[in-house]
Amino acid sequence: MLHQVVGWLRSEARAGRAHGRWAKWIGRSWARVSYGRRIEPTWLELNRHDVLISGLPAAFAGFRIAQLSDFHCSRHVTPAYLTEAVSLAMSQDPDLVVLTGDFIHRGYKYVDAVAATLGRLSAPHGVFAVLGNRRYRHLHRAVASALSAEGIQVLHNQSICLARGAEALHLVGVEDLWSRVCDLERAFADVNPQAPRIVLAHNPRTVEFLQGQRCDLMLSGHTHGGQINLPGVGRPTLSRKARRFAAGLYRFNGIHLYVNKGVGFGFRFRFGVQPEVALLTLLPE
């Protein structure tokens, strides 16, 4: 009889430990899901990077570029939240502000709202943008028009010369890589081959198609960093090729590439991939 009681107690203890492990696992998982849905999607961070540029004119040493990307303005990514990103960028006193695509999530409803919000950005050398994924041609035209009306210059396969005294730095903006209107040859046509250049390209894989064109720094977005980065698993939402340039600062064929994780989101969930404003400071190599 005693033997049976002892066996029963041991069995209950094992079951209790198993139940406890399940309860802890469920509790941790629920906490992660709640955090990933409610907290991290709008927990903005500021990422600062120094970028060494070969042949950078002395006048541009310490030149500060604020980059924001992938806003996806919608009823979930509100103008009020985007205003926080604008304020964070402006607090860094940038010399130049660049916006690298995907301004609204879908539809025309938020076109004017996102343009008005981003229109609060300003910098001594201006605010420039490139468009993102071209799902709807007429919608892209509406976005470009609204941004232009707010003083934001949208670059369509073209370059701008930024001058400080007699010295210059070129800013090149290209259409989205898969848009069928991306024209790198046209974008670089008027650029001095000896002058340093910063390239805005929504899709970071554009860096693979430069075919020898000089590019000192490419600023991109598009990936959102995958929005999920699980320890031991990685970024399951990104393809193998996309994971090559998922988020952060890379070096590819001598080119600095910065992939911004974006301000907004496609689906309301981020884990290990906070939304960001990036500040890149140019320094002579």
C-alpha atoms as a PDB file:
ATOM      1  CA  MET A   1       0.000   0.000   0.000  1.00  0.00           C
ATOM      2  CA  LEU A   2       2.811   2.401   0.937  1.00  0.00           C
ATOM      3  CA  HIS A   3       4.553   1.583  -2.346  1.00  0.00           C
ATOM      4  CA  GLN A   4       1.421   2.533  -4.287  1.00  0.00           C
ATOM      5  CA  VAL A   5       1.053   5.840  -2.426  1.00  0.00           C
ATOM      6  CA  VAL A   6       4.705   6.740  -3.096  1.00  0.00           C
ATOM      7  CA  GLY A   7       4.268   5.903  -6.793  1.00  0.00           C
ATOM      8  CA  TRP A   8       1.160   8.039  -6.994  1.00  0.00           C
ATOM      9  CA  LEU A   9       2.910  10.997  -5.337  1.00  0.00           C
ATOM     10  CA  ARG A  10       5.854  10.745  -7.740  1.00  0.00           C
ATOM     11  CA  SER A  11       3.479  10.618 -10.697  1.00  0.00           C
ATOM     12  CA  GLU A  12       1.647  13.695  -9.474  1.00  0.00           C
ATOM     13  CA  ALA A  13       4.947  15.532  -8.979  1.00  0.00           C
ATOM     14  CA  ARG A  14       6.035  14.764 -12.530  1.00  0.00           C
ATOM     15  CA  ALA A  15       2.663  15.919 -13.866  1.00  0.00           C
ATOM     16  CA  GLY A  16       2.915  19.073 -11.784  1.00  0.00           C
ATOM     17  CA  ARG A  17       6.362  19.845 -13.174  1.00  0.00           C
ATOM     18  CA  ALA A  18       5.102  19.263 -16.727  1.00  0.00           C
ATOM     19  CA  HIS A  19       2.095  21.503 -16.126  1.00  0.00           C
ATOM     20  CA  GLY A  20       4.395  24.124 -14.668  1.00  0.00           C
ATOM     21  CA  ARG A  21       6.643  24.040 -17.719  1.00  0.00           C
ATOM     22  CA  TRP A  22       3.639  24.401 -20.017  1.00  0.00           C
ATOM     23  CA  ALA A  23       2.285  27.264 -17.941  1.00  0.00           C
ATOM     24  CA  LYS A  24       5.636  29.074 -18.087  1.00  0.00           C
ATOM     25  CA  TRP A  25       5.913  28.514 -21.851  1.00  0.00           C
ATOM     26  CA  ILE A  26       2.388  29.794 -22.446  1.00  0.00           C
ATOM     27  CA  GLY A  27       3.009  32.780 -20.178  1.00  0.00           C
ATOM     28  CA  ARG A  28       6.260  33.719 -21.921  1.00  0.00           C
ATOM     29  CA  SER A  29       4.729  33.270 -25.372  1.00  0.00           C
ATOM     30  CA  TRP A  30       1.708  35.387 -24.513  1.00  0.00           C
ATOM     31  CA  ALA A  31       3.948  38.109 -23.093  1.00  0.00           C
ATOM     32  CA  ARG A  32       6.058  38.121 -26.275  1.00  0.00           C
ATOM     33  CA  VAL A  33       2.996  38.292 -28.503  1.00  0.00           C
ATOM     34  CA  SER A  34       1.521  41.119 -26.452  1.00  0.00           C
ATOM     35  CA  TYR A  35       4.841  42.991 -26.497  1.00  0.00           C
ATOM     36  CA  GLY A  36       5.304  42.428 -30.236  1.00  0.00           C
ATOM     37  CA  ARG A  37       1.834  43.732 -31.024  1.00  0.00           C
ATOM     38  CA  ARG A  38       1.308  46.504 -28.501  1.00  0.00           C
ATOM     39  CA  ILE A  39       4.727  47.947 -27.625  1.00  0.00           C
ATOM     40  CA  GLU A  40       7.519  47.450 -30.140  1.00  0.00           C
ATOM     41  CA  PRO A  41       5.660  48.513 -33.348  1.00  0.00           C
ATOM     42  CA  THR A  42       5.692  52.157 -32.165  1.00  0.00           C
ATOM     43  CA  TRP A  43       8.769  52.094 -29.918  1.00  0.00           C
ATOM     44  CA  LEU A  44      10.972  54.350 -32.026  1.00  0.00           C
ATOM     45  CA  GLU A  45      14.734  54.217 -31.693  1.00  0.00           C
ATOM     46  CA  LEU A  46      17.436  56.535 -33.010  1.00  0.00           C
ATOM     47  CA  ASN A  47      20.407  54.850 -34.680  1.00  0.00           C
ATOM     48  CA  ARG A  48      23.550  56.892 -35.297  1.00  0.00           C
ATOM     49  CA  HIS A  49      26.341  55.838 -37.641  1.00  0.00           C
ATOM     50  CA  ASP A  50      29.539  57.458 -38.876  1.00  0.00           C
ATOM     51  CA  VAL A  51      30.260  56.684 -42.533  1.00  0.00           C
ATOM     52  CA  LEU A  52      33.742  57.147 -44.001  1.00  0.00           C
ATOM     53  CA  ILE A  53      33.667  58.556 -47.528  1.00  0.00           C
ATOM     54  CA  SER A  54      36.703  58.482 -49.801  1.00  0.00           C
ATOM     55  CA  GLY A  55      37.422  61.907 -51.290  1.00  0.00           C
ATOM     56  CA  LEU A  56      34.762  63.633 -49.213  1.00  0.00           C
ATOM     57  CA  PRO A  57      35.200  67.412 -49.650  1.00  0.00           C
ATOM     58  CA  ALA A  58      36.394  69.101 -46.471  1.00  0.00           C
ATOM     59  CA  ALA A  59      33.288  71.291 -46.418  1.00  0.00           C
ATOM     60  CA  PHE A  60      31.108  68.171 -46.002  1.00  0.00           C
ATOM     61  CA  ALA A  61      33.067  66.632 -43.130  1.00  0.00           C
ATOM     62  CA  GLY A  62      30.518  66.031 -40.367  1.00  0.00           C
ATOM     63  CA  PHE A  63      27.559  66.378 -42.778  1.00  0.00           C
ATOM     64  CA  ARG A  64      24.499  64.877 -41.039  1.00  0.00           C
ATOM     65  CA  ILE A  65      21.796  62.997 -42.935  1.00  0.00           C
ATOM     66  CA  ALA A  66      18.544  62.002 -41.243  1.00  0.00           C
ATOM     67  CA  GLN A  67      16.834  59.069 -42.946  1.00  0.00           C
ATOM     68  CA  LEU A  68      13.237  57.946 -42.457  1.00  0.00           C
ATOM     69  CA  SER A  69      11.601  55.179 -44.441  1.00  0.00           C
ATOM     70  CA  ASP A  70       8.546  52.939 -44.906  1.00  0.00           C
ATOM     71  CA  PHE A  71       5.857  54.986 -43.207  1.00  0.00           C
ATOM     72  CA  HIS A  72       2.811  52.961 -44.364  1.00  0.00           C
ATOM     73  CA  CYS A  73       0.438  55.620 -43.075  1.00  0.00           C
ATOM     74  CA  SER A  74      -2.939  54.064 -42.285  1.00  0.00           C
ATOM     75  CA  ARG A  75      -5.479  53.858 -39.476  1.00  0.00           C
ATOM     76  CA  HIS A  76      -2.896  51.800 -37.565  1.00  0.00           C
ATOM     77  CA  VAL A  77       0.147  53.919 -38.442  1.00  0.00           C
ATOM     78  CA  THR A  78      -1.377  57.281 -37.653  1.00  0.00           C
ATOM     79  CA  PRO A  79      -0.174  60.792 -38.482  1.00  0.00           C
ATOM     80  CA  ALA A  80       0.135  61.371 -34.721  1.00  0.00           C
ATOM     81  CA  TYR A  81       2.649  58.533 -34.441  1.00  0.00           C
ATOM     82  CA  LEU A  82       4.513  59.652 -37.570  1.00  0.00           C
ATOM     83  CA  THR A  83       4.792  63.105 -35.990  1.00  0.00           C
ATOM     84  CA  GLU A  84       6.900  61.478 -33.234  1.00  0.00           C
ATOM     85  CA  ALA A  85       9.336  60.238 -35.893  1.00  0.00           C
ATOM     86  CA  VAL A  86       9.422  63.691 -37.494  1.00  0.00           C
ATOM     87  CA  SER A  87      10.181  65.316 -34.133  1.00  0.00           C
ATOM     88  CA  LEU A  88      12.909  62.776 -33.379  1.00  0.00           C
ATOM     89  CA  ALA A  89      14.558  63.452 -36.749  1.00  0.00           C
ATOM     90  CA  MET A  90      14.344  67.231 -36.361  1.00  0.00           C
ATOM     91  CA  SER A  91      15.839  67.085 -32.865  1.00  0.00           C
ATOM     92  CA  GLN A  92      19.090  65.831 -34.426  1.00  0.00           C
ATOM     93  CA  ASP A  93      19.582  69.092 -36.364  1.00  0.00           C
ATOM     94  CA  PRO A  94      20.327  67.325 -39.683  1.00  0.00           C
ATOM     95  CA  ASP A  95      21.898  69.032 -42.690  1.00  0.00           C
ATOM     96  CA  LEU A  96      19.774  66.914 -45.043  1.00  0.00           C
ATOM     97  CA  VAL A  97      16.647  64.788 -44.641  1.00  0.00           C
ATOM     98  CA  VAL A  98      15.923  61.844 -46.944  1.00  0.00           C
ATOM     99  CA  LEU A  99      12.801  59.680 -47.196  1.00  0.00           C
ATOM    100  CA  THR A 100      13.194  56.279 -48.830  1.00  0.00           C
ATOM    101  CA  GLY A 101       9.740  55.157 -49.845  1.00  0.00           C
ATOM    102  CA  ASP A 102       6.430  53.462 -49.011  1.00  0.00           C
ATOM    103  CA  PHE A 103       4.511  56.445 -47.662  1.00  0.00           C
ATOM    104  CA  ILE A 104       1.047  54.904 -47.340  1.00  0.00           C
ATOM    105  CA  HIS A 105      -0.149  51.371 -46.793  1.00  0.00           C
ATOM    106  CA  ARG A 106      -2.896  51.309 -49.421  1.00  0.00           C
ATOM    107  CA  GLY A 107      -5.524  53.544 -50.959  1.00  0.00           C
ATOM    108  CA  TYR A 108      -5.775  57.313 -51.324  1.00  0.00           C
ATOM    109  CA  LYS A 109      -7.277  58.131 -47.931  1.00  0.00           C
ATOM    110  CA  TYR A 110      -4.018  58.983 -46.151  1.00  0.00           C
ATOM    111  CA  VAL A 111      -2.058  60.579 -49.008  1.00  0.00           C
ATOM    112  CA  ASP A 112      -2.631  64.170 -47.878  1.00  0.00           C
ATOM    113  CA  ALA A 113      -2.222  63.270 -44.206  1.00  0.00           C
ATOM    114  CA  VAL A 114       1.195  61.673 -44.599  1.00  0.00           C
ATOM    115  CA  ALA A 115       2.383  64.491 -46.866  1.00  0.00           C
ATOM    116  CA  ALA A 116       1.266  67.147 -44.381  1.00  0.00           C
ATOM    117  CA  THR A 117       2.980  65.311 -41.525  1.00  0.00           C
ATOM    118  CA  LEU A 118       6.271  64.869 -43.381  1.00  0.00           C
ATOM    119  CA  GLY A 119       6.006  68.440 -44.626  1.00  0.00           C
ATOM    120  CA  ARG A 120       7.072  69.521 -41.118  1.00  0.00           C
ATOM    121  CA  LEU A 121      10.560  68.215 -41.876  1.00  0.00           C
ATOM    122  CA  SER A 122      13.187  70.749 -42.850  1.00  0.00           C
ATOM    123  CA  ALA A 123      16.953  70.975 -43.241  1.00  0.00           C
ATOM    124  CA  PRO A 124      19.478  73.482 -44.650  1.00  0.00           C
ATOM    125  CA  HIS A 125      20.068  71.317 -47.727  1.00  0.00           C
ATOM    126  CA  GLY A 126      16.441  70.288 -48.131  1.00  0.00           C
ATOM    127  CA  VAL A 127      14.177  67.247 -47.827  1.00  0.00           C
ATOM    128  CA  PHE A 128      14.303  64.677 -50.633  1.00  0.00           C
ATOM    129  CA  ALA A 129      12.399  61.475 -51.292  1.00  0.00           C
ATOM    130  CA  VAL A 130      12.144  58.456 -53.542  1.00  0.00           C
ATOM    131  CA  LEU A 131       8.981  56.421 -53.968  1.00  0.00           C
ATOM    132  CA  GLY A 132       8.562  52.824 -52.858  1.00  0.00           C
ATOM    133  CA  ASN A 133       6.875  49.734 -54.244  1.00  0.00           C
ATOM    134  CA  ARG A 134       4.840  50.617 -57.336  1.00  0.00           C
ATOM    135  CA  ARG A 135       1.689  48.594 -56.832  1.00  0.00           C
ATOM    136  CA  TYR A 136      -0.588  51.296 -58.200  1.00  0.00           C
ATOM    137  CA  ARG A 137       0.770  53.762 -60.770  1.00  0.00           C
ATOM    138  CA  HIS A 138      -1.819  56.507 -60.260  1.00  0.00           C
ATOM    139  CA  LEU A 139      -1.506  56.250 -56.485  1.00  0.00           C
ATOM    140  CA  HIS A 140       2.239  56.849 -56.763  1.00  0.00           C
ATOM    141  CA  ARG A 141       1.570  59.964 -58.810  1.00  0.00           C
ATOM    142  CA  ALA A 142      -0.791  61.213 -56.116  1.00  0.00           C
ATOM    143  CA  VAL A 143       1.811  60.582 -53.394  1.00  0.00           C
ATOM    144  CA  ALA A 144       4.561  62.353 -55.377  1.00  0.00           C
ATOM    145  CA  SER A 145       2.283  65.315 -56.055  1.00  0.00           C
ATOM    146  CA  ALA A 146       1.240  65.619 -52.396  1.00  0.00           C
ATOM    147  CA  LEU A 147       4.848  65.461 -51.173  1.00  0.00           C
ATOM    148  CA  SER A 148       5.943  68.063 -53.721  1.00  0.00           C
ATOM    149  CA  ALA A 149       3.155  70.373 -52.583  1.00  0.00           C
ATOM    150  CA  GLU A 150       4.658  70.216 -49.068  1.00  0.00           C
ATOM    151  CA  GLY A 151       8.122  71.208 -50.295  1.00  0.00           C
ATOM    152  CA  ILE A 152       9.580  67.692 -50.431  1.00  0.00           C
ATOM    153  CA  GLN A 153      11.447  67.077 -53.678  1.00  0.00           C
ATOM    154  CA  VAL A 154      10.792  63.624 -55.107  1.00  0.00           C
ATOM    155  CA  LEU A 155      13.646  62.282 -57.221  1.00  0.00           C
ATOM    156  CA  HIS A 156      12.718  60.189 -60.266  1.00  0.00           C
ATOM    157  CA  ASN A 157      15.948  58.679 -61.647  1.00  0.00           C
ATOM    158  CA  GLN A 158      17.710  62.004 -61.246  1.00  0.00           C
ATOM    159  CA  SER A 159      20.499  63.698 -59.335  1.00  0.00           C
ATOM    160  CA  ILE A 160      20.882  66.878 -57.326  1.00  0.00           C
ATOM    161  CA  CYS A 161      24.112  68.723 -56.593  1.00  0.00           C
ATOM    162  CA  LEU A 162      24.472  69.788 -52.967  1.00  0.00           C
ATOM    163  CA  ALA A 163      26.929  72.670 -52.668  1.00  0.00           C
ATOM    164  CA  ARG A 164      28.920  74.103 -49.820  1.00  0.00           C
ATOM    165  CA  GLY A 165      30.969  76.950 -51.188  1.00  0.00           C
ATOM    166  CA  ALA A 166      32.908  75.648 -54.179  1.00  0.00           C
ATOM    167  CA  GLU A 167      32.644  72.006 -53.067  1.00  0.00           C
ATOM    168  CA  ALA A 168      29.903  69.573 -54.036  1.00  0.00           C
ATOM    169  CA  LEU A 169      28.269  66.324 -53.037  1.00  0.00           C
ATOM    170  CA  HIS A 170      25.789  64.576 -55.350  1.00  0.00           C
ATOM    171  CA  LEU A 171      22.474  63.116 -54.229  1.00  0.00           C
ATOM    172  CA  VAL A 172      21.001  60.549 -56.641  1.00  0.00           C
ATOM    173  CA  GLY A 173      17.461  59.186 -56.367  1.00  0.00           C
ATOM    174  CA  VAL A 174      16.299  56.130 -58.316  1.00  0.00           C
ATOM    175  CA  GLU A 175      12.888  54.578 -58.818  1.00  0.00           C
ATOM    176  CA  ASP A 176      12.096  51.288 -57.112  1.00  0.00           C
ATOM    177  CA  LEU A 177      14.110  48.369 -58.459  1.00  0.00           C
ATOM    178  CA  TRP A 178      11.104  46.284 -59.540  1.00  0.00           C
ATOM    179  CA  SER A 179       8.983  49.184 -60.800  1.00  0.00           C
ATOM    180  CA  ARG A 180       9.903  48.752 -64.486  1.00  0.00           C
ATOM    181  CA  VAL A 181      10.871  52.422 -64.526  1.00  0.00           C
ATOM    182  CA  CYS A 182      14.118  52.128 -62.569  1.00  0.00           C
ATOM    183  CA  ASP A 183      16.771  53.673 -64.845  1.00  0.00           C
ATOM    184  CA  LEU A 184      20.200  53.781 -63.234  1.00  0.00           C
ATOM    185  CA  GLU A 185      21.900  55.046 -66.379  1.00  0.00           C
ATOM    186  CA  ARG A 186      19.600  58.055 -66.518  1.00  0.00           C
ATOM    187  CA  ALA A 187      19.928  58.678 -62.780  1.00  0.00           C
ATOM    188  CA  PHE A 188      23.718  58.939 -62.975  1.00  0.00           C
ATOM    189  CA  ALA A 189      23.871  60.701 -66.362  1.00  0.00           C
ATOM    190  CA  ASP A 190      24.663  64.201 -65.082  1.00  0.00           C
ATOM    191  CA  VAL A 191      26.873  63.259 -62.152  1.00  0.00           C
ATOM    192  CA  ASN A 192      30.573  64.121 -62.088  1.00  0.00           C
ATOM    193  CA  PRO A 193      32.325  60.713 -61.978  1.00  0.00           C
ATOM    194  CA  GLN A 194      34.953  62.114 -59.592  1.00  0.00           C
ATOM    195  CA  ALA A 195      32.468  63.530 -57.076  1.00  0.00           C
ATOM    196  CA  PRO A 196      31.252  61.568 -54.033  1.00  0.00           C
ATOM    197  CA  ARG A 197      27.613  60.587 -54.245  1.00  0.00           C
ATOM    198  CA  ILE A 198      24.812  59.452 -51.976  1.00  0.00           C
ATOM    199  CA  VAL A 199      22.164  57.246 -53.598  1.00  0.00           C
ATOM    200  CA  LEU A 200      18.545  56.877 -52.456  1.00  0.00           C
ATOM    201  CA  ALA A 201      17.009  53.563 -53.519  1.00  0.00           C
ATOM    202  CA  HIS A 202      13.973  52.045 -51.816  1.00  0.00           C
ATOM    203  CA  ASN A 203      15.058  48.441 -52.404  1.00  0.00           C
ATOM    204  CA  PRO A 204      18.525  47.679 -50.979  1.00  0.00           C
ATOM    205  CA  ARG A 205      19.174  45.075 -53.667  1.00  0.00           C
ATOM    206  CA  THR A 206      19.587  47.980 -56.083  1.00  0.00           C
ATOM    207  CA  VAL A 207      23.209  47.955 -54.912  1.00  0.00           C
ATOM    208  CA  GLU A 208      23.694  44.714 -56.868  1.00  0.00           C
ATOM    209  CA  PHE A 209      22.847  46.417 -60.182  1.00  0.00           C
ATOM    210  CA  LEU A 210      25.073  49.510 -60.166  1.00  0.00           C
ATOM    211  CA  GLN A 211      27.450  47.966 -62.740  1.00  0.00           C
ATOM    212  CA  GLY A 212      30.488  49.945 -61.703  1.00  0.00           C
ATOM    213  CA  GLN A 213      28.755  53.282 -61.097  1.00  0.00           C
ATOM    214  CA  ARG A 214      30.347  55.092 -58.193  1.00  0.00           C
ATOM    215  CA  CYS A 215      28.233  55.005 -55.062  1.00  0.00           C
ATOM    216  CA  ASP A 216      29.735  56.003 -51.733  1.00  0.00           C
ATOM    217  CA  LEU A 217      26.614  55.458 -49.639  1.00  0.00           C
ATOM    218  CA  MET A 218      23.259  53.952 -50.564  1.00  0.00           C
ATOM    219  CA  LEU A 219      20.283  54.584 -48.289  1.00  0.00           C
ATOM    220  CA  SER A 220      17.403  52.114 -48.543  1.00  0.00           C
ATOM    221  CA  GLY A 221      14.418  50.694 -46.701  1.00  0.00           C
ATOM    222  CA  HIS A 222      11.830  48.194 -47.998  1.00  0.00           C
ATOM    223  CA  THR A 223      12.596  45.231 -45.717  1.00  0.00           C
ATOM    224  CA  HIS A 224      11.286  46.660 -42.398  1.00  0.00           C
ATOM    225  CA  GLY A 225      14.090  44.493 -41.011  1.00  0.00           C
ATOM    226  CA  GLY A 226      11.656  41.620 -41.416  1.00  0.00           C
ATOM    227  CA  GLN A 227       9.694  43.048 -38.443  1.00  0.00           C
ATOM    228  CA  ILE A 228      10.512  39.826 -36.566  1.00  0.00           C
ATOM    229  CA  ASN A 229      13.978  38.710 -35.481  1.00  0.00           C
ATOM    230  CA  LEU A 230      13.740  35.687 -33.194  1.00  0.00           C
ATOM    231  CA  PRO A 231      16.762  34.482 -31.210  1.00  0.00           C
ATOM    232  CA  GLY A 232      18.104  31.317 -32.790  1.00  0.00           C
ATOM    233  CA  VAL A 233      15.634  31.581 -35.670  1.00  0.00           C
ATOM    234  CA  GLY A 234      16.377  34.864 -37.405  1.00  0.00           C
ATOM    235  CA  ARG A 235      14.011  36.759 -39.684  1.00  0.00           C
ATOM    236  CA  PRO A 236      11.408  34.258 -40.912  1.00  0.00           C
ATOM    237  CA  THR A 237       9.401  36.807 -42.916  1.00  0.00           C
ATOM    238  CA  LEU A 238      12.307  37.597 -45.260  1.00  0.00           C
ATOM    239  CA  SER A 239      13.455  35.480 -48.160  1.00  0.00           C
ATOM    240  CA  ARG A 240      17.014  34.183 -48.242  1.00  0.00           C
ATOM    241  CA  LYS A 241      18.063  36.912 -50.659  1.00  0.00           C
ATOM    242  CA  ALA A 242      16.301  39.635 -48.665  1.00  0.00           C
ATOM    243  CA  ARG A 243      18.045  38.515 -45.464  1.00  0.00           C
ATOM    244  CA  ARG A 244      21.354  39.395 -47.116  1.00  0.00           C
ATOM    245  CA  PHE A 245      20.526  43.084 -46.603  1.00  0.00           C
ATOM    246  CA  ALA A 246      17.943  42.923 -43.831  1.00  0.00           C
ATOM    247  CA  ALA A 247      18.732  45.928 -41.638  1.00  0.00           C
ATOM    248  CA  GLY A 248      21.639  48.106 -40.619  1.00  0.00           C
ATOM    249  CA  LEU A 249      24.949  49.106 -42.171  1.00  0.00           C
ATOM    250  CA  TYR A 250      26.600  46.856 -44.775  1.00  0.00           C
ATOM    251  CA  ARG A 251      29.641  46.989 -47.028  1.00  0.00           C
ATOM    252  CA  PHE A 252      29.123  45.642 -50.558  1.00  0.00           C
ATOM    253  CA  ASN A 253      31.760  45.903 -53.284  1.00  0.00           C
ATOM    254  CA  GLY A 254      33.283  48.899 -51.530  1.00  0.00           C
ATOM    255  CA  ILE A 255      29.867  50.600 -51.147  1.00  0.00           C
ATOM    256  CA  HIS A 256      28.358  51.560 -47.815  1.00  0.00           C
ATOM    257  CA  LEU A 257      24.711  50.434 -47.708  1.00  0.00           C
ATOM    258  CA  TYR A 258      22.352  51.407 -44.918  1.00  0.00           C
ATOM    259  CA  VAL A 259      19.017  49.565 -44.716  1.00  0.00           C
ATOM    260  CA  ASN A 260      16.510  51.402 -42.542  1.00  0.00           C
ATOM    261  CA  LYS A 261      14.013  49.280 -40.559  1.00  0.00           C
ATOM    262  CA  GLY A 262      11.266  51.794 -41.258  1.00  0.00           C
ATOM    263  CA  VAL A 263       8.966  53.908 -39.141  1.00  0.00           C
ATOM    264  CA  GLY A 264       5.690  52.102 -39.866  1.00  0.00           C
ATOM    265  CA  PHE A 265       4.708  48.507 -40.503  1.00  0.00           C
ATOM    266  CA  GLY A 266       2.774  46.329 -42.911  1.00  0.00           C
ATOM    267  CA  PHE A 267       1.236  44.147 -40.195  1.00  0.00           C
ATOM    268  CA  ARG A 268       1.089  45.313 -36.585  1.00  0.00           C
ATOM    269  CA  PHE A 269       3.824  43.177 -35.089  1.00  0.00           C
ATOM    270  CA  ARG A 270       7.501  43.788 -34.422  1.00  0.00           C
ATOM    271  CA  PHE A 271       9.794  41.660 -32.287  1.00  0.00           C
ATOM    272  CA  GLY A 272      13.496  42.428 -32.000  1.00  0.00           C
ATOM    273  CA  VAL A 273      13.173  44.964 -34.838  1.00  0.00           C
ATOM    274  CA  GLN A 274      12.240  48.377 -33.441  1.00  0.00           C
ATOM    275  CA  PRO A 275      11.126  51.101 -35.863  1.00  0.00           C
ATOM    276  CA  GLU A 276      13.801  53.698 -36.370  1.00  0.00           C
ATOM    277  CA  VAL A 277      15.061  57.080 -37.401  1.00  0.00           C
ATOM    278  CA  ALA A 278      18.649  56.909 -38.664  1.00  0.00           C
ATOM    279  CA  LEU A 279      21.267  59.637 -38.479  1.00  0.00           C
ATOM    280  CA  LEU A 280      24.323  59.141 -40.675  1.00  0.00           C
ATOM    281  CA  THR A 281      27.319  61.434 -40.308  1.00  0.00           C
ATOM    282  CA  LEU A 282      29.740  61.662 -43.240  1.00  0.00           C
ATOM    283  CA  LEU A 283      33.434  61.733 -42.407  1.00  0.00           C
ATOM    284  CA  PRO A 284      36.502  61.746 -44.686  1.00  0.00           C
ATOM    285  CA  GLU A 285      38.156  58.359 -45.041  1.00  0.00           C
END
